[in-house]
Amino acid sequence: MEPAWTVKAEARYVRTSPQKARLVVDQIRGRAAGEALFALQSTNKRVAPIVEKVLRSAMANAKNRREADEDLLYIAEAYVNEGPRQKRVRPAPMGRAYRYQRRTSHIVVKVAQKGAEE
């Protein structure tokens, strides 16, 4: 069943690889918002506070735009897209250079309210 409305928050150009961010986002998808906050606070990953900030922003957006009840909010969608890559060069032996990439992510969290049929 599709929710009547969803409210979105997004963090763009986060300096972490999408693969690492997806590990954290996969843990909270489909959960209640309060339960997801607790899960993020107890997750020992560097990106977890960033995802928590995005979730709190989505919850605040729902409260301000839709006057939603925070206890009824759940995560309707949560995903991580790949952002632009910064291409860098590292010195290598014998005057050579090794190229590497610094990856960025776009983290998106959408929340909805249970029983929000209008």
PDB file of N, CA and C in Angstrom:
ATOM      1  N   MET A   1       0.840  -1.187   0.000  1.00  0.00           N
ATOM      2  CA  MET A   1       0.000   0.000   0.000  1.00  0.00           C
ATOM      3  C   MET A   1       0.880   1.244   0.000  1.00  0.00           C
ATOM      4  N   GLU A   2       0.663   2.118  -0.957  1.00  0.00           N
ATOM      5  CA  GLU A   2       1.417   3.358  -1.065  1.00  0.00           C
ATOM      6  C   GLU A   2       0.894   4.374  -0.062  1.00  0.00           C
ATOM      7  N   PRO A   3       1.792   5.101   0.604  1.00  0.00           N
ATOM      8  CA  PRO A   3       1.327   6.154   1.509  1.00  0.00           C
ATOM      9  C   PRO A   3       0.749   7.324   0.715  1.00  0.00           C
ATOM     10  N   ALA A   4      -0.140   8.077   1.370  1.00  0.00           N
ATOM     11  CA  ALA A   4      -0.761   9.218   0.707  1.00  0.00           C
ATOM     12  C   ALA A   4       0.261  10.311   0.412  1.00  0.00           C
ATOM     13  N   TRP A   5       1.236  10.462   1.300  1.00  0.00           N
ATOM     14  CA  TRP A   5       2.277  11.467   1.094  1.00  0.00           C
ATOM     15  C   TRP A   5       3.591  10.980   1.702  1.00  0.00           C
ATOM     16  N   THR A   6       4.672  11.506   1.151  1.00  0.00           N
ATOM     17  CA  THR A   6       5.999  11.292   1.725  1.00  0.00           C
ATOM     18  C   THR A   6       6.713  12.636   1.780  1.00  0.00           C
ATOM     19  N   VAL A   7       7.597  12.765   2.744  1.00  0.00           N
ATOM     20  CA  VAL A   7       8.395  13.978   2.888  1.00  0.00           C
ATOM     21  C   VAL A   7       9.853  13.560   2.833  1.00  0.00           C
ATOM     22  N   LYS A   8      10.656  14.336   2.094  1.00  0.00           N
ATOM     23  CA  LYS A   8      12.015  13.938   1.778  1.00  0.00           C
ATOM     24  C   LYS A   8      13.037  14.864   2.425  1.00  0.00           C
ATOM     25  N   ALA A   9      14.180  14.291   2.781  1.00  0.00           N
ATOM     26  CA  ALA A   9      15.369  15.066   3.154  1.00  0.00           C
ATOM     27  C   ALA A   9      16.554  14.406   2.456  1.00  0.00           C
ATOM     28  N   GLU A  10      17.529  15.237   2.108  1.00  0.00           N
ATOM     29  CA  GLU A  10      18.630  14.743   1.295  1.00  0.00           C
ATOM     30  C   GLU A  10      19.933  15.396   1.740  1.00  0.00           C
ATOM     31  N   ALA A  11      20.986  14.617   1.813  1.00  0.00           N
ATOM     32  CA  ALA A  11      22.337  15.132   2.044  1.00  0.00           C
ATOM     33  C   ALA A  11      23.138  14.828   0.793  1.00  0.00           C
ATOM     34  N   ARG A  12      23.660  15.866   0.175  1.00  0.00           N
ATOM     35  CA  ARG A  12      24.373  15.681  -1.084  1.00  0.00           C
ATOM     36  C   ARG A  12      25.868  15.899  -0.894  1.00  0.00           C
ATOM     37  N   TYR A  13      26.644  15.253  -1.729  1.00  0.00           N
ATOM     38  CA  TYR A  13      28.104  15.381  -1.762  1.00  0.00           C
ATOM     39  C   TYR A  13      28.744  15.001  -0.429  1.00  0.00           C
ATOM     40  N   VAL A  14      28.237  13.943   0.195  1.00  0.00           N
ATOM     41  CA  VAL A  14      28.819  13.447   1.441  1.00  0.00           C
ATOM     42  C   VAL A  14      30.092  12.686   1.089  1.00  0.00           C
ATOM     43  N   ARG A  15      31.195  12.988   1.803  1.00  0.00           N
ATOM     44  CA  ARG A  15      32.493  12.418   1.455  1.00  0.00           C
ATOM     45  C   ARG A  15      32.666  11.021   2.047  1.00  0.00           C
ATOM     46  N   THR A  16      31.875  10.098   1.553  1.00  0.00           N
ATOM     47  CA  THR A  16      32.027   8.693   1.877  1.00  0.00           C
ATOM     48  C   THR A  16      31.567   7.897   0.668  1.00  0.00           C
ATOM     49  N   SER A  17      32.044   6.692   0.556  1.00  0.00           N
ATOM     50  CA  SER A  17      31.676   5.907  -0.620  1.00  0.00           C
ATOM     51  C   SER A  17      30.225   5.439  -0.489  1.00  0.00           C
ATOM     52  N   PRO A  18      29.501   5.365  -1.596  1.00  0.00           N
ATOM     53  CA  PRO A  18      28.108   4.913  -1.546  1.00  0.00           C
ATOM     54  C   PRO A  18      27.976   3.499  -0.987  1.00  0.00           C
ATOM     55  N   GLN A  19      28.941   2.645  -1.246  1.00  0.00           N
ATOM     56  CA  GLN A  19      28.885   1.270  -0.764  1.00  0.00           C
ATOM     57  C   GLN A  19      28.873   1.241   0.765  1.00  0.00           C
ATOM     58  N   LYS A  20      29.690   2.067   1.394  1.00  0.00           N
ATOM     59  CA  LYS A  20      29.739   2.110   2.854  1.00  0.00           C
ATOM     60  C   LYS A  20      28.478   2.746   3.432  1.00  0.00           C
ATOM     61  N   ALA A  21      27.960   3.767   2.758  1.00  0.00           N
ATOM     62  CA  ALA A  21      26.742   4.424   3.245  1.00  0.00           C
ATOM     63  C   ALA A  21      25.530   3.500   3.122  1.00  0.00           C
ATOM     64  N   ARG A  22      25.504   2.674   2.079  1.00  0.00           N
ATOM     65  CA  ARG A  22      24.370   1.761   1.886  1.00  0.00           C
ATOM     66  C   ARG A  22      24.280   0.731   3.000  1.00  0.00           C
ATOM     67  N   LEU A  23      25.431   0.339   3.577  1.00  0.00           N
ATOM     68  CA  LEU A  23      25.412  -0.610   4.683  1.00  0.00           C
ATOM     69  C   LEU A  23      24.593  -0.078   5.856  1.00  0.00           C
ATOM     70  N   VAL A  24      24.691   1.221   6.111  1.00  0.00           N
ATOM     71  CA  VAL A  24      23.958   1.837   7.220  1.00  0.00           C
ATOM     72  C   VAL A  24      22.506   2.080   6.837  1.00  0.00           C
ATOM     73  N   VAL A  25      22.280   2.579   5.626  1.00  0.00           N
ATOM     74  CA  VAL A  25      20.915   2.909   5.188  1.00  0.00           C
ATOM     75  C   VAL A  25      20.056   1.655   5.080  1.00  0.00           C
ATOM     76  N   ASP A  26      20.648   0.535   4.705  1.00  0.00           N
ATOM     77  CA  ASP A  26      19.894  -0.715   4.596  1.00  0.00           C
ATOM     78  C   ASP A  26      19.352  -1.177   5.941  1.00  0.00           C
ATOM     79  N   GLN A  27      20.008  -0.782   7.037  1.00  0.00           N
ATOM     80  CA  GLN A  27      19.559  -1.193   8.370  1.00  0.00           C
ATOM     81  C   GLN A  27      18.266  -0.504   8.798  1.00  0.00           C
ATOM     82  N   ILE A  28      18.002   0.694   8.268  1.00  0.00           N
ATOM     83  CA  ILE A  28      16.857   1.471   8.765  1.00  0.00           C
ATOM     84  C   ILE A  28      15.667   1.475   7.820  1.00  0.00           C
ATOM     85  N   ARG A  29      15.824   0.977   6.615  1.00  0.00           N
ATOM     86  CA  ARG A  29      14.749   1.047   5.623  1.00  0.00           C
ATOM     87  C   ARG A  29      13.511   0.304   6.113  1.00  0.00           C
ATOM     88  N   GLY A  30      12.343   0.972   6.079  1.00  0.00           N
ATOM     89  CA  GLY A  30      11.081   0.361   6.459  1.00  0.00           C
ATOM     90  C   GLY A  30      10.771   0.409   7.944  1.00  0.00           C
ATOM     91  N   ARG A  31      11.695   0.851   8.759  1.00  0.00           N
ATOM     92  CA  ARG A  31      11.479   0.884  10.209  1.00  0.00           C
ATOM     93  C   ARG A  31      10.696   2.125  10.633  1.00  0.00           C
ATOM     94  N   ALA A  32      10.205   2.095  11.866  1.00  0.00           N
ATOM     95  CA  ALA A  32       9.613   3.286  12.471  1.00  0.00           C
ATOM     96  C   ALA A  32      10.729   4.297  12.703  1.00  0.00           C
ATOM     97  N   ALA A  33      10.402   5.576  12.658  1.00  0.00           N
ATOM     98  CA  ALA A  33      11.422   6.617  12.731  1.00  0.00           C
ATOM     99  C   ALA A  33      12.168   6.592  14.063  1.00  0.00           C
ATOM    100  N   GLY A  34      11.461   6.452  15.158  1.00  0.00           N
ATOM    101  CA  GLY A  34      12.111   6.414  16.464  1.00  0.00           C
ATOM    102  C   GLY A  34      13.024   5.210  16.618  1.00  0.00           C
ATOM    103  N   GLU A  35      12.571   4.089  16.132  1.00  0.00           N
ATOM    104  CA  GLU A  35      13.366   2.860  16.170  1.00  0.00           C
ATOM    105  C   GLU A  35      14.615   3.011  15.308  1.00  0.00           C
ATOM    106  N   ALA A  36      14.483   3.673  14.164  1.00  0.00           N
ATOM    107  CA  ALA A  36      15.618   3.885  13.272  1.00  0.00           C
ATOM    108  C   ALA A  36      16.645   4.821  13.904  1.00  0.00           C
ATOM    109  N   LEU A  37      16.181   5.844  14.617  1.00  0.00           N
ATOM    110  CA  LEU A  37      17.108   6.746  15.304  1.00  0.00           C
ATOM    111  C   LEU A  37      17.937   5.986  16.336  1.00  0.00           C
ATOM    112  N   PHE A  38      17.282   5.123  17.086  1.00  0.00           N
ATOM    113  CA  PHE A  38      17.997   4.326  18.081  1.00  0.00           C
ATOM    114  C   PHE A  38      19.013   3.405  17.408  1.00  0.00           C
ATOM    115  N   ALA A  39      18.630   2.804  16.283  1.00  0.00           N
ATOM    116  CA  ALA A  39      19.535   1.912  15.561  1.00  0.00           C
ATOM    117  C   ALA A  39      20.750   2.681  15.040  1.00  0.00           C
ATOM    118  N   LEU A  40      20.536   3.895  14.563  1.00  0.00           N
ATOM    119  CA  LEU A  40      21.650   4.691  14.044  1.00  0.00           C
ATOM    120  C   LEU A  40      22.597   5.129  15.154  1.00  0.00           C
ATOM    121  N   GLN A  41      22.038   5.451  16.322  1.00  0.00           N
ATOM    122  CA  GLN A  41      22.885   5.883  17.434  1.00  0.00           C
ATOM    123  C   GLN A  41      23.757   4.746  17.950  1.00  0.00           C
ATOM    124  N   SER A  42      23.304   3.521  17.775  1.00  0.00           N
ATOM    125  CA  SER A  42      24.083   2.383  18.254  1.00  0.00           C
ATOM    126  C   SER A  42      24.903   1.720  17.145  1.00  0.00           C
ATOM    127  N   THR A  43      24.920   2.311  15.953  1.00  0.00           N
ATOM    128  CA  THR A  43      25.706   1.768  14.840  1.00  0.00           C
ATOM    129  C   THR A  43      27.100   2.377  14.872  1.00  0.00           C
ATOM    130  N   ASN A  44      28.098   1.530  14.811  1.00  0.00           N
ATOM    131  CA  ASN A  44      29.489   1.979  14.895  1.00  0.00           C
ATOM    132  C   ASN A  44      30.077   2.154  13.496  1.00  0.00           C
ATOM    133  N   LYS A  45      29.536   3.105  12.750  1.00  0.00           N
ATOM    134  CA  LYS A  45      30.036   3.435  11.416  1.00  0.00           C
ATOM    135  C   LYS A  45      30.184   4.943  11.321  1.00  0.00           C
ATOM    136  N   ARG A  46      31.154   5.400  10.550  1.00  0.00           N
ATOM    137  CA  ARG A  46      31.428   6.832  10.457  1.00  0.00           C
ATOM    138  C   ARG A  46      30.284   7.604   9.804  1.00  0.00           C
ATOM    139  N   VAL A  47      29.540   6.967   8.922  1.00  0.00           N
ATOM    140  CA  VAL A  47      28.473   7.645   8.196  1.00  0.00           C
ATOM    141  C   VAL A  47      27.159   7.663   8.986  1.00  0.00           C
ATOM    142  N   ALA A  48      27.053   6.899  10.069  1.00  0.00           N
ATOM    143  CA  ALA A  48      25.800   6.800  10.827  1.00  0.00           C
ATOM    144  C   ALA A  48      25.301   8.152  11.349  1.00  0.00           C
ATOM    145  N   PRO A  49      26.156   9.036  11.906  1.00  0.00           N
ATOM    146  CA  PRO A  49      25.646  10.347  12.341  1.00  0.00           C
ATOM    147  C   PRO A  49      25.113  11.204  11.196  1.00  0.00           C
ATOM    148  N   ILE A  50      25.666  11.033  10.012  1.00  0.00           N
ATOM    149  CA  ILE A  50      25.196  11.797   8.855  1.00  0.00           C
ATOM    150  C   ILE A  50      23.808  11.312   8.447  1.00  0.00           C
ATOM    151  N   VAL A  51      23.619   9.993   8.413  1.00  0.00           N
ATOM    152  CA  VAL A  51      22.306   9.430   8.077  1.00  0.00           C
ATOM    153  C   VAL A  51      21.283   9.825   9.146  1.00  0.00           C
ATOM    154  N   GLU A  52      21.709   9.837  10.411  1.00  0.00           N
ATOM    155  CA  GLU A  52      20.812  10.253  11.494  1.00  0.00           C
ATOM    156  C   GLU A  52      20.367  11.706  11.313  1.00  0.00           C
ATOM    157  N   LYS A  53      21.286  12.557  10.905  1.00  0.00           N
ATOM    158  CA  LYS A  53      20.964  13.960  10.669  1.00  0.00           C
ATOM    159  C   LYS A  53      19.947  14.117   9.534  1.00  0.00           C
ATOM    160  N   VAL A  54      20.115  13.324   8.477  1.00  0.00           N
ATOM    161  CA  VAL A  54      19.171  13.365   7.354  1.00  0.00           C
ATOM    162  C   VAL A  54      17.789  12.884   7.814  1.00  0.00           C
ATOM    163  N   LEU A  55      17.754  11.815   8.616  1.00  0.00           N
ATOM    164  CA  LEU A  55      16.483  11.296   9.125  1.00  0.00           C
ATOM    165  C   LEU A  55      15.790  12.317  10.010  1.00  0.00           C
ATOM    166  N   ARG A  56      16.545  12.962  10.902  1.00  0.00           N
ATOM    167  CA  ARG A  56      15.958  14.000  11.766  1.00  0.00           C
ATOM    168  C   ARG A  56      15.414  15.160  10.936  1.00  0.00           C
ATOM    169  N   SER A  57      16.115  15.505   9.865  1.00  0.00           N
ATOM    170  CA  SER A  57      15.651  16.573   8.976  1.00  0.00           C
ATOM    171  C   SER A  57      14.349  16.176   8.283  1.00  0.00           C
ATOM    172  N   ALA A  58      14.260  14.933   7.829  1.00  0.00           N
ATOM    173  CA  ALA A  58      13.026  14.467   7.181  1.00  0.00           C
ATOM    174  C   ALA A  58      11.866  14.472   8.174  1.00  0.00           C
ATOM    175  N   MET A  59      12.144  14.075   9.423  1.00  0.00           N
ATOM    176  CA  MET A  59      11.092  14.084  10.447  1.00  0.00           C
ATOM    177  C   MET A  59      10.626  15.517  10.739  1.00  0.00           C
ATOM    178  N   ALA A  60      11.569  16.458  10.797  1.00  0.00           N
ATOM    179  CA  ALA A  60      11.214  17.859  11.023  1.00  0.00           C
ATOM    180  C   ALA A  60      10.428  18.424   9.849  1.00  0.00           C
ATOM    181  N   ASN A  61      10.809  18.025   8.627  1.00  0.00           N
ATOM    182  CA  ASN A  61      10.064  18.467   7.443  1.00  0.00           C
ATOM    183  C   ASN A  61       8.625  17.960   7.499  1.00  0.00           C
ATOM    184  N   ALA A  62       8.439  16.711   7.916  1.00  0.00           N
ATOM    185  CA  ALA A  62       7.091  16.142   8.001  1.00  0.00           C
ATOM    186  C   ALA A  62       6.262  16.863   9.067  1.00  0.00           C
ATOM    187  N   LYS A  63       6.916  17.180  10.165  1.00  0.00           N
ATOM    188  CA  LYS A  63       6.201  17.859  11.249  1.00  0.00           C
ATOM    189  C   LYS A  63       5.801  19.276  10.835  1.00  0.00           C
ATOM    190  N   ASN A  64       6.688  19.971  10.129  1.00  0.00           N
ATOM    191  CA  ASN A  64       6.418  21.361   9.745  1.00  0.00           C
ATOM    192  C   ASN A  64       5.496  21.474   8.533  1.00  0.00           C
ATOM    193  N   ARG A  65       5.655  20.600   7.560  1.00  0.00           N
ATOM    194  CA  ARG A  65       4.864  20.713   6.332  1.00  0.00           C
ATOM    195  C   ARG A  65       3.522  19.999   6.414  1.00  0.00           C
ATOM    196  N   ARG A  66       3.494  18.858   7.080  1.00  0.00           N
ATOM    197  CA  ARG A  66       2.287  18.033   7.106  1.00  0.00           C
ATOM    198  C   ARG A  66       1.663  17.907   8.486  1.00  0.00           C
ATOM    199  N   GLU A  67       2.279  18.559   9.498  1.00  0.00           N
ATOM    200  CA  GLU A  67       1.808  18.459  10.882  1.00  0.00           C
ATOM    201  C   GLU A  67       1.637  16.992  11.279  1.00  0.00           C
ATOM    202  N   ALA A  68       2.648  16.208  10.967  1.00  0.00           N
ATOM    203  CA  ALA A  68       2.617  14.773  11.218  1.00  0.00           C
ATOM    204  C   ALA A  68       2.939  14.472  12.678  1.00  0.00           C
ATOM    205  N   ASP A  69       2.441  13.354  13.144  1.00  0.00           N
ATOM    206  CA  ASP A  69       2.740  12.868  14.483  1.00  0.00           C
ATOM    207  C   ASP A  69       4.050  12.072  14.414  1.00  0.00           C
ATOM    208  N   GLU A  70       5.042  12.490  15.199  1.00  0.00           N
ATOM    209  CA  GLU A  70       6.363  11.853  15.134  1.00  0.00           C
ATOM    210  C   GLU A  70       6.310  10.376  15.509  1.00  0.00           C
ATOM    211  N   ASP A  71       5.374   9.985  16.355  1.00  0.00           N
ATOM    212  CA  ASP A  71       5.296   8.594  16.789  1.00  0.00           C
ATOM    213  C   ASP A  71       4.778   7.680  15.680  1.00  0.00           C
ATOM    214  N   LEU A  72       4.080   8.240  14.701  1.00  0.00           N
ATOM    215  CA  LEU A  72       3.515   7.434  13.617  1.00  0.00           C
ATOM    216  C   LEU A  72       4.375   7.436  12.351  1.00  0.00           C
ATOM    217  N   LEU A  73       5.483   8.184  12.371  1.00  0.00           N
ATOM    218  CA  LEU A  73       6.326   8.260  11.176  1.00  0.00           C
ATOM    219  C   LEU A  73       7.139   6.989  10.998  1.00  0.00           C
ATOM    220  N   TYR A  74       7.301   6.599   9.745  1.00  0.00           N
ATOM    221  CA  TYR A  74       8.169   5.478   9.398  1.00  0.00           C
ATOM    222  C   TYR A  74       8.932   5.836   8.132  1.00  0.00           C
ATOM    223  N   ILE A  75       9.984   5.087   7.862  1.00  0.00           N
ATOM    224  CA  ILE A  75      10.832   5.375   6.713  1.00  0.00           C
ATOM    225  C   ILE A  75      10.247   4.672   5.495  1.00  0.00           C
ATOM    226  N   ALA A  76       9.654   5.456   4.608  1.00  0.00           N
ATOM    227  CA  ALA A  76       9.025   4.907   3.411  1.00  0.00           C
ATOM    228  C   ALA A  76      10.087   4.511   2.381  1.00  0.00           C
ATOM    229  N   GLU A  77      11.103   5.355   2.219  1.00  0.00           N
ATOM    230  CA  GLU A  77      12.193   5.077   1.281  1.00  0.00           C
ATOM    231  C   GLU A  77      13.490   5.589   1.885  1.00  0.00           C
ATOM    232  N   ALA A  78      14.562   4.891   1.630  1.00  0.00           N
ATOM    233  CA  ALA A  78      15.898   5.343   2.019  1.00  0.00           C
ATOM    234  C   ALA A  78      16.881   4.727   1.043  1.00  0.00           C
ATOM    235  N   TYR A  79      17.658   5.568   0.393  1.00  0.00           N
ATOM    236  CA  TYR A  79      18.619   5.056  -0.573  1.00  0.00           C
ATOM    237  C   TYR A  79      19.812   5.994  -0.682  1.00  0.00           C
ATOM    238  N   VAL A  80      20.867   5.472  -1.281  1.00  0.00           N
ATOM    239  CA  VAL A  80      22.115   6.215  -1.460  1.00  0.00           C
ATOM    240  C   VAL A  80      22.483   6.171  -2.935  1.00  0.00           C
ATOM    241  N   ASN A  81      22.656   7.331  -3.530  1.00  0.00           N
ATOM    242  CA  ASN A  81      23.114   7.425  -4.913  1.00  0.00           C
ATOM    243  C   ASN A  81      24.573   7.857  -4.936  1.00  0.00           C
ATOM    244  N   GLU A  82      25.226   7.551  -6.029  1.00  0.00           N
ATOM    245  CA  GLU A  82      26.616   7.940  -6.171  1.00  0.00           C
ATOM    246  C   GLU A  82      26.710   9.386  -6.628  1.00  0.00           C
ATOM    247  N   GLY A  83      27.579  10.153  -5.988  1.00  0.00           N
ATOM    248  CA  GLY A  83      27.837  11.532  -6.384  1.00  0.00           C
ATOM    249  C   GLY A  83      29.054  11.584  -7.296  1.00  0.00           C
ATOM    250  N   PRO A  84      29.529  12.773  -7.584  1.00  0.00           N
ATOM    251  CA  PRO A  84      30.715  12.888  -8.440  1.00  0.00           C
ATOM    252  C   PRO A  84      31.958  12.364  -7.730  1.00  0.00           C
ATOM    253  N   ARG A  85      32.888  11.869  -8.517  1.00  0.00           N
ATOM    254  CA  ARG A  85      34.140  11.351  -7.963  1.00  0.00           C
ATOM    255  C   ARG A  85      35.236  12.392  -8.156  1.00  0.00           C
ATOM    256  N   GLN A  86      36.051  12.552  -7.122  1.00  0.00           N
ATOM    257  CA  GLN A  86      37.214  13.426  -7.234  1.00  0.00           C
ATOM    258  C   GLN A  86      38.404  12.556  -7.617  1.00  0.00           C
ATOM    259  N   LYS A  87      39.011  12.870  -8.726  1.00  0.00           N
ATOM    260  CA  LYS A  87      40.141  12.066  -9.186  1.00  0.00           C
ATOM    261  C   LYS A  87      41.429  12.696  -8.665  1.00  0.00           C
ATOM    262  N   ARG A  88      42.240  11.876  -7.997  1.00  0.00           N
ATOM    263  CA  ARG A  88      43.457  12.343  -7.360  1.00  0.00           C
ATOM    264  C   ARG A  88      44.645  11.497  -7.811  1.00  0.00           C
ATOM    265  N   VAL A  89      45.847  12.005  -7.539  1.00  0.00           N
ATOM    266  CA  VAL A  89      47.075  11.321  -7.929  1.00  0.00           C
ATOM    267  C   VAL A  89      47.949  11.150  -6.687  1.00  0.00           C
ATOM    268  N   ARG A  90      48.491   9.958  -6.516  1.00  0.00           N
ATOM    269  CA  ARG A  90      49.382   9.652  -5.389  1.00  0.00           C
ATOM    270  C   ARG A  90      50.763   9.308  -5.964  1.00  0.00           C
ATOM    271  N   PRO A  91      51.812   9.849  -5.374  1.00  0.00           N
ATOM    272  CA  PRO A  91      53.159   9.517  -5.874  1.00  0.00           C
ATOM    273  C   PRO A  91      53.448   8.021  -5.746  1.00  0.00           C
ATOM    274  N   ALA A  92      54.153   7.501  -6.702  1.00  0.00           N
ATOM    275  CA  ALA A  92      54.499   6.082  -6.743  1.00  0.00           C
ATOM    276  C   ALA A  92      56.008   5.949  -6.974  1.00  0.00           C
ATOM    277  N   PRO A  93      56.553   4.768  -6.808  1.00  0.00           N
ATOM    278  CA  PRO A  93      57.998   4.594  -6.995  1.00  0.00           C
ATOM    279  C   PRO A  93      58.465   4.914  -8.413  1.00  0.00           C
ATOM    280  N   MET A  94      59.713   5.275  -8.514  1.00  0.00           N
ATOM    281  CA  MET A  94      60.389   5.519  -9.798  1.00  0.00           C
ATOM    282  C   MET A  94      59.730   6.636 -10.602  1.00  0.00           C
ATOM    283  N   GLY A  95      59.243   7.673  -9.931  1.00  0.00           N
ATOM    284  CA  GLY A  95      58.701   8.844 -10.612  1.00  0.00           C
ATOM    285  C   GLY A  95      57.334   8.646 -11.218  1.00  0.00           C
ATOM    286  N   ARG A  96      56.691   7.530 -10.920  1.00  0.00           N
ATOM    287  CA  ARG A  96      55.364   7.273 -11.474  1.00  0.00           C
ATOM    288  C   ARG A  96      54.298   7.865 -10.565  1.00  0.00           C
ATOM    289  N   ALA A  97      53.039   7.739 -11.008  1.00  0.00           N
ATOM    290  CA  ALA A  97      51.912   8.238 -10.213  1.00  0.00           C
ATOM    291  C   ALA A  97      50.778   7.229 -10.274  1.00  0.00           C
ATOM    292  N   TYR A  98      50.147   7.009  -9.139  1.00  0.00           N
ATOM    293  CA  TYR A  98      48.967   6.145  -9.069  1.00  0.00           C
ATOM    294  C   TYR A  98      47.739   7.028  -8.946  1.00  0.00           C
ATOM    295  N   ARG A  99      46.742   6.741  -9.779  1.00  0.00           N
ATOM    296  CA  ARG A  99      45.489   7.497  -9.697  1.00  0.00           C
ATOM    297  C   ARG A  99      44.544   6.780  -8.738  1.00  0.00           C
ATOM    298  N   TYR A 100      43.797   7.555  -7.963  1.00  0.00           N
ATOM    299  CA  TYR A 100      42.739   6.996  -7.129  1.00  0.00           C
ATOM    300  C   TYR A 100      41.579   7.973  -7.119  1.00  0.00           C
ATOM    301  N   GLN A 101      40.433   7.502  -6.642  1.00  0.00           N
ATOM    302  CA  GLN A 101      39.221   8.313  -6.670  1.00  0.00           C
ATOM    303  C   GLN A 101      38.662   8.465  -5.271  1.00  0.00           C
ATOM    304  N   ARG A 102      38.250   9.680  -4.966  1.00  0.00           N
ATOM    305  CA  ARG A 102      37.543   9.936  -3.720  1.00  0.00           C
ATOM    306  C   ARG A 102      36.063   9.996  -4.060  1.00  0.00           C
ATOM    307  N   ARG A 103      35.322   9.047  -3.543  1.00  0.00           N
ATOM    308  CA  ARG A 103      33.913   8.937  -3.917  1.00  0.00           C
ATOM    309  C   ARG A 103      33.043   9.793  -3.007  1.00  0.00           C
ATOM    310  N   THR A 104      31.928  10.263  -3.565  1.00  0.00           N
ATOM    311  CA  THR A 104      30.944  11.009  -2.789  1.00  0.00           C
ATOM    312  C   THR A 104      29.580  10.344  -2.936  1.00  0.00           C
ATOM    313  N   SER A 105      28.680  10.667  -2.002  1.00  0.00           N
ATOM    314  CA  SER A 105      27.356  10.044  -1.972  1.00  0.00           C
ATOM    315  C   SER A 105      26.277  11.101  -1.833  1.00  0.00           C
ATOM    316  N   HIS A 106      25.103  10.763  -2.326  1.00  0.00           N
ATOM    317  CA  HIS A 106      23.888  11.529  -2.067  1.00  0.00           C
ATOM    318  C   HIS A 106      22.960  10.615  -1.273  1.00  0.00           C
ATOM    319  N   ILE A 107      22.654  11.000  -0.028  1.00  0.00           N
ATOM    320  CA  ILE A 107      21.833  10.174   0.859  1.00  0.00           C
ATOM    321  C   ILE A 107      20.425  10.761   0.906  1.00  0.00           C
ATOM    322  N   VAL A 108      19.412   9.940   0.611  1.00  0.00           N
ATOM    323  CA  VAL A 108      18.019  10.387   0.569  1.00  0.00           C
ATOM    324  C   VAL A 108      17.189   9.537   1.530  1.00  0.00           C
ATOM    325  N   VAL A 109      16.387  10.222   2.361  1.00  0.00           N
ATOM    326  CA  VAL A 109      15.471   9.539   3.281  1.00  0.00           C
ATOM    327  C   VAL A 109      14.093  10.159   3.096  1.00  0.00           C
ATOM    328  N   LYS A 110      13.086   9.314   2.864  1.00  0.00           N
ATOM    329  CA  LYS A 110      11.714   9.775   2.753  1.00  0.00           C
ATOM    330  C   LYS A 110      10.896   9.135   3.872  1.00  0.00           C
ATOM    331  N   VAL A 111      10.131   9.953   4.586  1.00  0.00           N
ATOM    332  CA  VAL A 111       9.305   9.450   5.663  1.00  0.00           C
ATOM    333  C   VAL A 111       7.832   9.663   5.325  1.00  0.00           C
ATOM    334  N   ALA A 112       6.988   8.804   5.866  1.00  0.00           N
ATOM    335  CA  ALA A 112       5.545   8.898   5.705  1.00  0.00           C
ATOM    336  C   ALA A 112       4.905   8.567   7.052  1.00  0.00           C
ATOM    337  N   GLN A 113       3.614   8.805   7.132  1.00  0.00           N
ATOM    338  CA  GLN A 113       2.884   8.544   8.375  1.00  0.00           C
ATOM    339  C   GLN A 113       1.992   7.333   8.182  1.00  0.00           C
ATOM    340  N   LYS A 114       2.009   6.442   9.162  1.00  0.00           N
ATOM    341  CA  LYS A 114       1.147   5.272   9.096  1.00  0.00           C
ATOM    342  C   LYS A 114      -0.320   5.706   9.166  1.00  0.00           C
ATOM    343  N   GLY A 115      -1.132   5.164   8.283  1.00  0.00           N
ATOM    344  CA  GLY A 115      -2.558   5.501   8.269  1.00  0.00           C
ATOM    345  C   GLY A 115      -2.813   6.933   7.842  1.00  0.00           C
ATOM    346  N   ALA A 116      -2.029   7.440   6.863  1.00  0.00           N
ATOM    347  CA  ALA A 116      -2.171   8.830   6.427  1.00  0.00           C
ATOM    348  C   ALA A 116      -2.974   8.931   5.138  1.00  0.00           C
ATOM    349  N   GLU A 117      -4.039   8.154   5.001  1.00  0.00           N
ATOM    350  CA  GLU A 117      -4.881   8.262   3.807  1.00  0.00           C
ATOM    351  C   GLU A 117      -5.743   9.485   3.939  1.00  0.00           C
ATOM    352  N   GLU A 118      -5.718  10.308   2.895  1.00  0.00           N
ATOM    353  CA  GLU A 118      -6.484  11.562   2.960  1.00  0.00           C
ATOM    354  C   GLU A 118      -7.726  11.489   2.111  1.00  0.00           C
TER     355      GLU A 118
END
